[in-house]
C-alpha atoms as a PDB file:
ATOM      1  CA  UNK A   1      -7.481 -19.976   6.427  1.00  0.00           C
ATOM      2  CA  UNK A   2      -4.129 -19.997   4.613  1.00  0.00           C
ATOM      3  CA  UNK A   3      -3.909 -17.199   2.082  1.00  0.00           C
ATOM      4  CA  UNK A   4      -1.059 -16.272  -0.226  1.00  0.00           C
ATOM      5  CA  UNK A   5       0.569 -12.827   0.004  1.00  0.00           C
ATOM      6  CA  UNK A   6      -1.167 -11.862  -3.262  1.00  0.00           C
ATOM      7  CA  UNK A   7      -4.585 -12.967  -1.928  1.00  0.00           C
ATOM      8  CA  UNK A   8      -4.054 -10.940   1.248  1.00  0.00           C
ATOM      9  CA  UNK A   9      -3.101  -7.868  -0.792  1.00  0.00           C
ATOM     10  CA  UNK A  10      -6.265  -8.206  -2.886  1.00  0.00           C
ATOM     11  CA  UNK A  11      -8.504  -8.581   0.162  1.00  0.00           C
ATOM     12  CA  UNK A  12      -6.953  -5.559   1.871  1.00  0.00           C
ATOM     13  CA  UNK A  13      -7.351  -3.466  -1.299  1.00  0.00           C
ATOM     14  CA  UNK A  14     -11.015  -4.501  -1.709  1.00  0.00           C
ATOM     15  CA  UNK A  15     -11.636  -3.501   1.921  1.00  0.00           C
ATOM     16  CA  UNK A  16      -9.983  -0.115   1.318  1.00  0.00           C
ATOM     17  CA  UNK A  17     -12.063   0.504  -1.825  1.00  0.00           C
ATOM     18  CA  UNK A  18     -15.274  -0.613  -0.081  1.00  0.00           C
ATOM     19  CA  UNK A  19     -14.701   2.158   2.476  1.00  0.00           C
ATOM     20  CA  UNK A  20     -15.361   4.570  -0.398  1.00  0.00           C
ATOM     21  CA  UNK A  21     -18.865   5.082  -1.750  1.00  0.00           C
ATOM     22  CA  UNK A  22     -18.704   3.383  -5.141  1.00  0.00           C
ATOM     23  CA  UNK A  23     -18.924  -0.317  -5.984  1.00  0.00           C
ATOM     24  CA  UNK A  24     -15.576  -2.115  -6.261  1.00  0.00           C
ATOM     25  CA  UNK A  25     -14.949  -2.984  -9.928  1.00  0.00           C
ATOM     26  CA  UNK A  26     -12.242  -5.120 -11.540  1.00  0.00           C
ATOM     27  CA  UNK A  27     -10.957  -1.963 -13.281  1.00  0.00           C
ATOM     28  CA  UNK A  28     -10.818   0.000 -10.018  1.00  0.00           C
ATOM     29  CA  UNK A  29      -9.082  -2.874  -8.246  1.00  0.00           C
ATOM     30  CA  UNK A  30      -6.594  -3.272 -11.112  1.00  0.00           C
ATOM     31  CA  UNK A  31      -5.737   0.430 -10.815  1.00  0.00           C
ATOM     32  CA  UNK A  32      -5.377   0.196  -7.012  1.00  0.00           C
ATOM     33  CA  UNK A  33      -3.040  -2.809  -7.288  1.00  0.00           C
ATOM     34  CA  UNK A  34      -1.261  -1.609 -10.440  1.00  0.00           C
ATOM     35  CA  UNK A  35      -2.085  -4.790 -12.343  1.00  0.00           C
ATOM     36  CA  UNK A  36      -4.123  -5.890 -15.384  1.00  0.00           C
ATOM     37  CA  UNK A  37      -7.940  -6.306 -15.190  1.00  0.00           C
ATOM     38  CA  UNK A  38      -7.492  -9.897 -16.494  1.00  0.00           C
ATOM     39  CA  UNK A  39      -5.302 -10.708 -13.449  1.00  0.00           C
ATOM     40  CA  UNK A  40      -7.977  -9.266 -11.166  1.00  0.00           C
ATOM     41  CA  UNK A  41     -10.637 -11.443 -12.811  1.00  0.00           C
ATOM     42  CA  UNK A  42      -8.506 -14.571 -12.243  1.00  0.00           C
ATOM     43  CA  UNK A  43      -7.912 -13.683  -8.595  1.00  0.00           C
ATOM     44  CA  UNK A  44     -11.579 -12.803  -8.060  1.00  0.00           C
ATOM     45  CA  UNK A  45     -12.529 -16.347  -9.134  1.00  0.00           C
ATOM     46  CA  UNK A  46     -10.078 -17.821  -6.593  1.00  0.00           C
ATOM     47  CA  UNK A  47     -11.305 -15.574  -3.772  1.00  0.00           C
ATOM     48  CA  UNK A  48     -14.917 -16.430  -4.624  1.00  0.00           C
ATOM     49  CA  UNK A  49     -14.089 -20.165  -4.410  1.00  0.00           C
ATOM     50  CA  UNK A  50     -12.660 -19.524  -0.932  1.00  0.00           C
ATOM     51  CA  UNK A  51     -15.923 -17.699  -0.046  1.00  0.00           C
ATOM     52  CA  UNK A  52     -14.043 -14.469   0.691  1.00  0.00           C
ATOM     53  CA  UNK A  53     -15.845 -12.316  -1.893  1.00  0.00           C
ATOM     54  CA  UNK A  54     -19.145 -12.149  -3.752  1.00  0.00           C
ATOM     55  CA  UNK A  55     -18.392 -11.666  -7.430  1.00  0.00           C
ATOM     56  CA  UNK A  56     -20.223 -11.963 -10.738  1.00  0.00           C
ATOM     57  CA  UNK A  57     -18.661 -10.926 -14.040  1.00  0.00           C
ATOM     58  CA  UNK A  58     -19.509  -7.316 -15.015  1.00  0.00           C
ATOM     59  CA  UNK A  59     -20.849  -6.692 -11.504  1.00  0.00           C
ATOM     60  CA  UNK A  60     -19.162  -5.282  -8.410  1.00  0.00           C
ATOM     61  CA  UNK A  61     -16.870  -7.151  -6.032  1.00  0.00           C
ATOM     62  CA  UNK A  62     -17.812  -7.315  -2.341  1.00  0.00           C
ATOM     63  CA  UNK A  63     -16.138  -8.940   0.627  1.00  0.00           C
ATOM     64  CA  UNK A  64     -18.173 -11.601   2.421  1.00  0.00           C
ATOM     65  CA  UNK A  65     -18.279 -11.557   6.248  1.00  0.00           C
ATOM     66  CA  UNK A  66     -15.356 -14.019   6.184  1.00  0.00           C
ATOM     67  CA  UNK A  67     -13.449 -11.821   3.708  1.00  0.00           C
ATOM     68  CA  UNK A  68     -13.995  -8.720   5.832  1.00  0.00           C
ATOM     69  CA  UNK A  69     -12.747 -10.566   8.915  1.00  0.00           C
ATOM     70  CA  UNK A  70      -9.603 -11.622   7.029  1.00  0.00           C
ATOM     71  CA  UNK A  71      -9.022  -8.035   5.818  1.00  0.00           C
ATOM     72  CA  UNK A  72      -9.320  -6.633   9.338  1.00  0.00           C
ATOM     73  CA  UNK A  73      -6.756  -9.146  10.644  1.00  0.00           C
ATOM     74  CA  UNK A  74      -4.298  -8.048   7.917  1.00  0.00           C
ATOM     75  CA  UNK A  75      -4.944  -4.378   8.753  1.00  0.00           C
ATOM     76  CA  UNK A  76      -4.440  -5.137  12.473  1.00  0.00           C
ATOM     77  CA  UNK A  77      -1.041  -6.713  11.778  1.00  0.00           C
ATOM     78  CA  UNK A  78      -0.018  -3.830   9.481  1.00  0.00           C
ATOM     79  CA  UNK A  79      -0.919  -1.099  11.961  1.00  0.00           C
ATOM     80  CA  UNK A  80       0.633  -2.873  14.959  1.00  0.00           C
ATOM     81  CA  UNK A  81       3.903  -3.239  13.039  1.00  0.00           C
ATOM     82  CA  UNK A  82       3.777   0.466  12.200  1.00  0.00           C
ATOM     83  CA  UNK A  83       3.420   1.238  15.934  1.00  0.00           C
ATOM     84  CA  UNK A  84       6.360  -1.049  16.737  1.00  0.00           C
ATOM     85  CA  UNK A  85       8.592   0.532  14.092  1.00  0.00           C
ATOM     86  CA  UNK A  86       7.820   4.088  15.238  1.00  0.00           C
ATOM     87  CA  UNK A  87       7.596   3.570  19.019  1.00  0.00           C
ATOM     88  CA  UNK A  88      10.340   0.995  19.565  1.00  0.00           C
ATOM     89  CA  UNK A  89      12.738   1.309  16.616  1.00  0.00           C
ATOM     90  CA  UNK A  90      12.531   5.102  16.143  1.00  0.00           C
ATOM     91  CA  UNK A  91      11.460   5.044  12.503  1.00  0.00           C
ATOM     92  CA  UNK A  92       9.650   8.204  11.387  1.00  0.00           C
ATOM     93  CA  UNK A  93       6.040   7.970  10.252  1.00  0.00           C
ATOM     94  CA  UNK A  94       6.889   8.385   6.558  1.00  0.00           C
ATOM     95  CA  UNK A  95       9.232   5.350   6.618  1.00  0.00           C
ATOM     96  CA  UNK A  96       6.997   2.675   8.105  1.00  0.00           C
ATOM     97  CA  UNK A  97       4.219   2.029   5.578  1.00  0.00           C
ATOM     98  CA  UNK A  98       6.390   0.134   3.073  1.00  0.00           C
ATOM     99  CA  UNK A  99       8.044  -1.951   5.824  1.00  0.00           C
ATOM    100  CA  UNK A 100       4.687  -2.791   7.397  1.00  0.00           C
ATOM    101  CA  UNK A 101       3.419  -3.884   3.949  1.00  0.00           C
ATOM    102  CA  UNK A 102       5.966  -6.732   4.170  1.00  0.00           C
ATOM    103  CA  UNK A 103       5.592  -7.491   7.883  1.00  0.00           C
ATOM    104  CA  UNK A 104       1.773  -7.690   7.703  1.00  0.00           C
ATOM    105  CA  UNK A 105       2.065 -11.074   5.975  1.00  0.00           C
ATOM    106  CA  UNK A 106       3.662 -12.708   9.057  1.00  0.00           C
ATOM    107  CA  UNK A 107       0.587 -14.620  10.182  1.00  0.00           C
ATOM    108  CA  UNK A 108       1.495 -16.038  13.628  1.00  0.00           C
ATOM    109  CA  UNK A 109      -1.436 -15.225  15.938  1.00  0.00           C
ATOM    110  CA  UNK A 110       0.814 -15.775  18.953  1.00  0.00           C
ATOM    111  CA  UNK A 111       3.392 -13.277  17.653  1.00  0.00           C
ATOM    112  CA  UNK A 112       0.764 -10.597  16.897  1.00  0.00           C
ATOM    113  CA  UNK A 113      -0.889 -11.101  20.290  1.00  0.00           C
ATOM    114  CA  UNK A 114       2.456 -10.680  22.064  1.00  0.00           C
ATOM    115  CA  UNK A 115       3.350  -7.714  19.849  1.00  0.00           C
ATOM    116  CA  UNK A 116       0.095  -5.981  20.824  1.00  0.00           C
ATOM    117  CA  UNK A 117       0.687  -6.685  24.540  1.00  0.00           C
ATOM    118  CA  UNK A 118       4.296  -5.454  24.249  1.00  0.00           C
ATOM    119  CA  UNK A 119       3.064  -2.172  22.733  1.00  0.00           C
ATOM    120  CA  UNK A 120       0.399  -1.733  25.425  1.00  0.00           C
ATOM    121  CA  UNK A 121      -2.464  -2.731  23.101  1.00  0.00           C
ATOM    122  CA  UNK A 122      -2.577   0.526  21.106  1.00  0.00           C
ATOM    123  CA  UNK A 123      -5.864   1.557  19.505  1.00  0.00           C
ATOM    124  CA  UNK A 124      -4.464   3.903  16.823  1.00  0.00           C
ATOM    125  CA  UNK A 125      -1.434   3.646  14.535  1.00  0.00           C
ATOM    126  CA  UNK A 126       1.204   6.379  13.963  1.00  0.00           C
ATOM    127  CA  UNK A 127      -0.970   7.978  11.245  1.00  0.00           C
ATOM    128  CA  UNK A 128      -4.046   8.145  13.487  1.00  0.00           C
ATOM    129  CA  UNK A 129      -5.905   5.181  11.949  1.00  0.00           C
ATOM    130  CA  UNK A 130      -7.800   2.830  14.307  1.00  0.00           C
ATOM    131  CA  UNK A 131      -6.321  -0.639  14.945  1.00  0.00           C
ATOM    132  CA  UNK A 132      -8.815  -3.541  14.819  1.00  0.00           C
ATOM    133  CA  UNK A 133      -8.826  -5.709  17.971  1.00  0.00           C
ATOM    134  CA  UNK A 134      -7.898  -9.407  18.111  1.00  0.00           C
ATOM    135  CA  UNK A 135     -11.516 -10.339  17.227  1.00  0.00           C
ATOM    136  CA  UNK A 136     -11.301  -8.221  14.067  1.00  0.00           C
ATOM    137  CA  UNK A 137     -13.532  -5.437  15.376  1.00  0.00           C
ATOM    138  CA  UNK A 138     -12.566  -1.936  14.274  1.00  0.00           C
ATOM    139  CA  UNK A 139     -12.374   0.567  17.112  1.00  0.00           C
ATOM    140  CA  UNK A 140     -14.642   3.579  17.048  1.00  0.00           C
ATOM    141  CA  UNK A 141     -12.934   6.416  15.209  1.00  0.00           C
ATOM    142  CA  UNK A 142     -12.768   9.730  16.997  1.00  0.00           C
ATOM    143  CA  UNK A 143     -14.972  12.493  15.622  1.00  0.00           C
ATOM    144  CA  UNK A 144     -12.745  14.342  13.184  1.00  0.00           C
ATOM    145  CA  UNK A 145     -12.916  16.425  10.023  1.00  0.00           C
ATOM    146  CA  UNK A 146     -10.412  17.405   7.344  1.00  0.00           C
ATOM    147  CA  UNK A 147      -8.645  20.722   7.951  1.00  0.00           C
ATOM    148  CA  UNK A 148     -10.017  22.234   4.722  1.00  0.00           C
ATOM    149  CA  UNK A 149     -13.572  21.682   6.045  1.00  0.00           C
ATOM    150  CA  UNK A 150     -13.004  22.795   9.654  1.00  0.00           C
ATOM    151  CA  UNK A 151     -14.524  26.161  10.537  1.00  0.00           C
ATOM    152  CA  UNK A 152     -13.081  26.431  14.059  1.00  0.00           C
ATOM    153  CA  UNK A 153      -9.804  28.287  14.539  1.00  0.00           C
ATOM    154  CA  UNK A 154      -8.071  26.195  17.249  1.00  0.00           C
ATOM    155  CA  UNK A 155      -7.585  22.549  16.291  1.00  0.00           C
ATOM    156  CA  UNK A 156      -5.623  19.398  17.079  1.00  0.00           C
ATOM    157  CA  UNK A 157      -4.231  17.032  14.416  1.00  0.00           C
ATOM    158  CA  UNK A 158      -5.764  13.557  14.880  1.00  0.00           C
ATOM    159  CA  UNK A 159      -4.809  11.670  11.696  1.00  0.00           C
ATOM    160  CA  UNK A 160      -3.412  11.890   8.172  1.00  0.00           C
ATOM    161  CA  UNK A 161      -5.477  10.337   5.391  1.00  0.00           C
ATOM    162  CA  UNK A 162      -2.687  10.229   2.771  1.00  0.00           C
ATOM    163  CA  UNK A 163       0.188   7.938   3.861  1.00  0.00           C
ATOM    164  CA  UNK A 164       2.526   8.900   1.009  1.00  0.00           C
ATOM    165  CA  UNK A 165       6.125   9.508   2.119  1.00  0.00           C
ATOM    166  CA  UNK A 166       6.156  12.824   0.219  1.00  0.00           C
ATOM    167  CA  UNK A 167       3.278  14.289   2.241  1.00  0.00           C
ATOM    168  CA  UNK A 168       4.520  12.897   5.569  1.00  0.00           C
ATOM    169  CA  UNK A 169       8.003  14.326   4.954  1.00  0.00           C
ATOM    170  CA  UNK A 170       6.419  17.698   4.154  1.00  0.00           C
ATOM    171  CA  UNK A 171       4.385  17.619   7.387  1.00  0.00           C
ATOM    172  CA  UNK A 172       7.498  16.630   9.361  1.00  0.00           C
ATOM    173  CA  UNK A 173       9.381  19.598   7.922  1.00  0.00           C
ATOM    174  CA  UNK A 174       6.517  21.894   8.982  1.00  0.00           C
ATOM    175  CA  UNK A 175       6.361  20.408  12.504  1.00  0.00           C
ATOM    176  CA  UNK A 176       2.921  18.848  11.977  1.00  0.00           C
ATOM    177  CA  UNK A 177       2.404  15.494  13.743  1.00  0.00           C
ATOM    178  CA  UNK A 178      -0.396  13.652  15.543  1.00  0.00           C
ATOM    179  CA  UNK A 179      -1.413  15.748  18.538  1.00  0.00           C
ATOM    180  CA  UNK A 180      -0.014  18.998  17.075  1.00  0.00           C
ATOM    181  CA  UNK A 181      -2.168  21.949  18.112  1.00  0.00           C
ATOM    182  CA  UNK A 182      -2.613  24.633  15.487  1.00  0.00           C
ATOM    183  CA  UNK A 183      -4.508  27.817  14.883  1.00  0.00           C
ATOM    184  CA  UNK A 184      -6.080  28.818  11.566  1.00  0.00           C
ATOM    185  CA  UNK A 185      -5.073  32.425  10.868  1.00  0.00           C
ATOM    186  CA  UNK A 186      -6.547  32.934   7.393  1.00  0.00           C
ATOM    187  CA  UNK A 187      -8.326  31.065   4.606  1.00  0.00           C
ATOM    188  CA  UNK A 188      -7.635  32.337   1.101  1.00  0.00           C
ATOM    189  CA  UNK A 189     -10.577  32.099  -1.277  1.00  0.00           C
ATOM    190  CA  UNK A 190      -8.349  32.429  -4.363  1.00  0.00           C
ATOM    191  CA  UNK A 191      -6.837  28.925  -4.138  1.00  0.00           C
ATOM    192  CA  UNK A 192      -8.343  27.583  -0.871  1.00  0.00           C
ATOM    193  CA  UNK A 193      -4.924  27.631   0.789  1.00  0.00           C
ATOM    194  CA  UNK A 194      -4.822  28.095   4.572  1.00  0.00           C
ATOM    195  CA  UNK A 195      -2.432  30.079   6.748  1.00  0.00           C
ATOM    196  CA  UNK A 196      -1.817  28.302  10.050  1.00  0.00           C
ATOM    197  CA  UNK A 197       0.211  28.926  13.188  1.00  0.00           C
ATOM    198  CA  UNK A 198       1.838  26.348  15.463  1.00  0.00           C
ATOM    199  CA  UNK A 199       3.051  27.494  18.876  1.00  0.00           C
ATOM    200  CA  UNK A 200       6.591  28.991  18.885  1.00  0.00           C
ATOM    201  CA  UNK A 201       6.757  28.970  15.063  1.00  0.00           C
ATOM    202  CA  UNK A 202       6.110  31.662  12.468  1.00  0.00           C
ATOM    203  CA  UNK A 203       2.786  31.289  10.611  1.00  0.00           C
ATOM    204  CA  UNK A 204       2.942  29.491   7.245  1.00  0.00           C
ATOM    205  CA  UNK A 205       0.591  28.622   4.402  1.00  0.00           C
ATOM    206  CA  UNK A 206      -0.425  25.137   3.222  1.00  0.00           C
ATOM    207  CA  UNK A 207      -2.228  24.222   0.012  1.00  0.00           C
ATOM    208  CA  UNK A 208      -5.761  22.879  -0.271  1.00  0.00           C
ATOM    209  CA  UNK A 209      -4.331  19.486  -1.309  1.00  0.00           C
ATOM    210  CA  UNK A 210      -2.392  19.250   1.965  1.00  0.00           C
ATOM    211  CA  UNK A 211      -5.249  20.528   4.151  1.00  0.00           C
ATOM    212  CA  UNK A 212      -7.650  17.927   2.684  1.00  0.00           C
ATOM    213  CA  UNK A 213      -5.382  15.170   4.056  1.00  0.00           C
ATOM    214  CA  UNK A 214      -4.924  16.529   7.584  1.00  0.00           C
ATOM    215  CA  UNK A 215      -7.664  15.321   9.954  1.00  0.00           C
ATOM    216  CA  UNK A 216      -8.399  17.505  12.960  1.00  0.00           C
ATOM    217  CA  UNK A 217     -10.712  17.924  15.943  1.00  0.00           C
ATOM    218  CA  UNK A 218     -11.684  21.145  17.764  1.00  0.00           C
ATOM    219  CA  UNK A 219      -9.685  22.061  20.867  1.00  0.00           C
END
């Protein structure tokens, strides 16, 4: 199915919001896409005509099976391009999201198939998110928990839930990447900040806001 760039962006955003717990509303989608609710209503009608979403006015928006499949293909392209930019072109993880937002709209199945083969068919992107396969099936995510919730002292970083350049730059500066092993030294009840230690580095403290976005698994 041929979709415009705008339609693809809407579908991907609906998928992202559906991963949360609340129903997807026109207001919520407008906020996510930084557009007017009236524009969302117009687009929702178009996507419903293409049988990509279920939508009734004043009710939630949901992707149909076909819409979900389309969203997963867009996400696959996005995450493969992120891998390519980091692994082959030496971009850092905070630089690639915006570039991949543009590259994800290149729809050639042949190109994406060859890109995946070239990269060794990766299953996670540079931020630790799973990459859907060519059939649009999302790989099983590793068991992980956010650092602020973890109660074990020795942990490995498996993913970052916030892809903002500001956070990723901060983590880079602190030497925190995927696979980084760290030890929790102290948790401070006053502001829920955490003191952590990475091998060969002095211990340092991170805020609750940062720790909520670092996904970890026990070592």
